[in-house]
Amino acid sequence: MTMKTRKWTFLAVMVALDVVLSPLFRVEGMAPMSSVVNIIAACIMGPVYTTIMAVACAIIRMTMMGIPPLALTGAVFGAALAGLGYVMTRRAWGAAVGEIIGTGIIGSLLSYPVMVWFTGTHNGLYWFLYTPRFIGATLIGTVVSLIVLNRLLKIQMVRDLQTMFIGGKQ
């Protein structure tokens, strides 16, 4: 199996995990499992593949599960910044900070104009409407991901995947 095939296969596995786990462990208006998967993926796959994963998951959830465009605004910025945070720091906390800023702050604020466009009205919507839920979900997901990641990175196969994608921990 080529390196490229291995990367795309692992990416597909991460997409499947996110799509399956997010609705199972969802609190109304909060999807902490997306943050869990984003941070784990960021620490293993880096920013490019993690962002591709988030876009794919958002499109699947929107088309198959009827989730509004919040799936895109909520996950994609967090995934990209989590990946960049990990690459810049080579630490899980860097990914966690990127996820919190990307999803909790940027994603929540961009959700307002997207939902105004999607619904065609701004009645009852205001800029910070989504921020408490997005930050709450991201904080829950961050704690869970750091616990899970701590265990995952002790597995040689996971460290090998990390090396294949982004060169591993320095």
Protein backbone atom coordinates (compact mmCIF):
# COMPACT_ATOMS: atom_id res chain seq x y z
CA MET A 1 0.00 0.00 0.00
CA THR A 2 1.43 3.36 -0.99
CA MET A 3 1.91 6.22 1.45
CA LYS A 4 -0.81 8.24 -0.29
CA THR A 5 -3.27 5.33 -0.03
CA ARG A 6 -2.51 4.95 3.69
CA LYS A 7 -3.14 8.65 4.28
CA TRP A 8 -6.46 8.65 2.42
CA THR A 9 -7.51 5.43 4.18
CA PHE A 10 -6.82 6.90 7.61
CA LEU A 11 -8.58 10.10 6.57
CA ALA A 12 -11.65 8.02 5.61
CA VAL A 13 -11.56 6.28 8.99
CA MET A 14 -11.48 9.65 10.79
CA VAL A 15 -14.39 10.92 8.67
CA ALA A 16 -16.37 7.80 9.54
CA LEU A 17 -15.61 8.20 13.26
CA ASP A 18 -16.69 11.83 13.25
CA VAL A 19 -19.89 11.18 11.27
CA VAL A 20 -20.89 8.25 13.50
CA LEU A 21 -19.86 9.63 16.90
CA SER A 22 -21.04 13.24 16.56
CA PRO A 23 -24.78 12.49 16.54
CA LEU A 24 -24.43 9.81 19.25
CA PHE A 25 -22.80 12.11 21.78
CA ARG A 26 -24.64 15.29 20.90
CA VAL A 27 -26.33 17.67 23.29
CA GLU A 28 -28.89 19.89 21.56
CA GLY A 29 -26.96 22.65 19.83
CA MET A 30 -23.61 21.22 20.95
CA ALA A 31 -21.41 18.69 19.16
CA PRO A 32 -18.43 18.03 21.43
CA MET A 33 -17.37 14.91 19.51
CA SER A 34 -16.48 17.05 16.50
CA SER A 35 -13.94 18.84 18.68
CA VAL A 36 -12.64 15.52 19.99
CA VAL A 37 -12.09 14.17 16.48
CA ASN A 38 -10.70 17.50 15.21
CA ILE A 39 -8.03 17.67 17.89
CA ILE A 40 -7.04 14.01 17.59
CA ALA A 41 -6.89 14.32 13.79
CA ALA A 42 -4.90 17.55 14.03
CA CYS A 43 -2.27 15.88 16.21
CA ILE A 44 -1.98 12.91 13.87
CA MET A 45 -2.73 14.27 10.39
CA GLY A 46 -1.83 17.97 10.50
CA PRO A 47 -3.85 20.92 9.17
CA VAL A 48 -4.48 19.96 5.52
CA TYR A 49 -5.93 16.49 6.04
CA THR A 50 -7.78 17.58 9.20
CA THR A 51 -9.46 20.41 7.30
CA ILE A 52 -10.39 18.04 4.46
CA MET A 53 -11.84 15.69 7.09
CA ALA A 54 -13.91 18.48 8.68
CA VAL A 55 -15.30 19.64 5.33
CA ALA A 56 -16.23 16.08 4.35
CA CYS A 57 -17.89 15.43 7.72
CA ALA A 58 -19.83 18.70 7.56
CA ILE A 59 -21.10 17.97 4.05
CA ILE A 60 -22.14 14.44 5.05
CA ARG A 61 -23.92 15.67 8.19
CA MET A 62 -25.66 18.45 6.27
CA THR A 63 -26.86 16.23 3.43
CA MET A 64 -27.59 12.99 5.26
CA MET A 65 -28.68 14.25 8.70
CA GLY A 66 -30.29 17.59 7.88
CA ILE A 67 -27.83 19.59 9.99
CA PRO A 68 -27.84 23.30 9.03
CA PRO A 69 -24.69 25.01 7.66
CA LEU A 70 -23.48 25.36 11.24
CA ALA A 71 -21.74 22.04 10.59
CA LEU A 72 -19.38 23.88 8.23
CA THR A 73 -18.82 27.03 10.25
CA GLY A 74 -18.45 25.09 13.47
CA ALA A 75 -15.98 22.43 12.43
CA VAL A 76 -13.83 23.70 9.58
CA PHE A 77 -12.17 26.68 11.25
CA GLY A 78 -11.51 24.66 14.38
CA ALA A 79 -9.98 21.82 12.38
CA ALA A 80 -7.71 24.13 10.39
CA LEU A 81 -6.53 26.08 13.44
CA ALA A 82 -6.12 22.90 15.51
CA GLY A 83 -3.87 21.47 12.81
CA LEU A 84 -1.88 24.69 12.57
CA GLY A 85 -1.68 24.91 16.37
CA TYR A 86 -0.25 21.41 16.56
CA VAL A 87 2.25 21.95 13.74
CA MET A 88 3.44 25.21 15.32
CA THR A 89 3.83 23.87 18.87
CA ARG A 90 4.15 20.10 18.33
CA ARG A 91 2.01 19.74 21.45
CA ALA A 92 -1.61 18.68 21.93
CA TRP A 93 -2.37 21.89 23.82
CA GLY A 94 -1.51 23.83 20.63
CA ALA A 95 -4.18 21.86 18.78
CA ALA A 96 -6.60 22.41 21.66
CA VAL A 97 -6.07 26.19 21.65
CA GLY A 98 -6.51 26.24 17.86
CA GLU A 99 -9.76 24.27 18.15
CA ILE A 100 -11.13 26.55 20.86
CA ILE A 101 -10.31 29.71 18.89
CA GLY A 102 -11.38 28.27 15.53
CA THR A 103 -14.65 26.64 16.56
CA GLY A 104 -15.53 28.41 19.80
CA ILE A 105 -14.88 31.94 18.65
CA ILE A 106 -14.41 32.26 14.88
CA GLY A 107 -16.88 29.50 13.94
CA SER A 108 -19.54 30.74 16.34
CA LEU A 109 -19.30 34.33 15.13
CA LEU A 110 -19.38 33.35 11.45
CA SER A 111 -22.44 31.21 12.12
CA TYR A 112 -24.58 34.31 12.58
CA PRO A 113 -24.31 35.68 9.01
CA VAL A 114 -24.47 32.16 7.58
CA MET A 115 -27.70 31.41 9.42
CA VAL A 116 -29.17 34.82 8.50
CA TRP A 117 -28.47 33.94 4.86
CA PHE A 118 -29.73 30.36 5.31
CA THR A 119 -32.99 31.30 7.04
CA GLY A 120 -33.51 34.55 5.13
CA THR A 121 -34.15 36.50 8.33
CA HIS A 122 -32.28 37.83 11.33
CA ASN A 123 -35.30 37.83 13.65
CA GLY A 124 -34.23 36.35 16.96
CA LEU A 125 -30.61 35.99 15.84
CA TYR A 126 -27.73 38.03 17.19
CA TRP A 127 -23.97 37.83 16.75
CA PHE A 128 -23.17 35.93 19.96
CA LEU A 129 -26.13 33.54 19.79
CA TYR A 130 -23.97 30.50 19.01
CA THR A 131 -20.86 31.44 21.01
CA PRO A 132 -21.83 29.95 24.41
CA ARG A 133 -22.86 26.61 22.87
CA PHE A 134 -19.87 26.42 20.56
CA ILE A 135 -17.41 27.27 23.34
CA GLY A 136 -19.13 24.86 25.74
CA ALA A 137 -19.00 22.01 23.23
CA THR A 138 -15.40 22.82 22.34
CA LEU A 139 -14.28 22.86 25.96
CA ILE A 140 -15.95 19.51 26.63
CA GLY A 141 -14.46 18.06 23.45
CA THR A 142 -11.02 19.46 24.27
CA VAL A 143 -10.89 17.79 27.67
CA VAL A 144 -12.04 14.45 26.25
CA SER A 145 -9.62 14.67 23.31
CA LEU A 146 -6.62 15.41 25.51
CA ILE A 147 -7.40 12.38 27.68
CA VAL A 148 -7.90 10.10 24.66
CA LEU A 149 -4.90 11.52 22.81
CA ASN A 150 -2.67 10.94 25.82
CA ARG A 151 -3.48 7.23 25.57
CA LEU A 152 -3.42 7.05 21.76
CA LEU A 153 0.06 8.52 21.44
CA LYS A 154 1.42 5.67 23.56
CA ILE A 155 0.51 3.26 20.75
CA GLN A 156 3.32 2.74 18.25
CA MET A 157 0.97 2.46 15.26
CA VAL A 158 -0.53 5.88 16.06
CA ARG A 159 2.95 7.41 16.36
CA ASP A 160 3.81 5.82 13.00
CA LEU A 161 0.72 7.43 11.44
CA GLN A 162 1.72 10.75 12.94
CA THR A 163 5.21 10.42 11.45
CA MET A 164 3.73 9.51 8.06
CA PHE A 165 1.49 12.61 8.02
CA ILE A 166 3.49 15.35 9.73
CA GLY A 167 6.80 13.97 10.84
CA GLY A 168 5.72 13.05 14.38
CA LYS A 169 6.58 14.78 17.63
CA GLN A 170 9.93 16.57 17.67
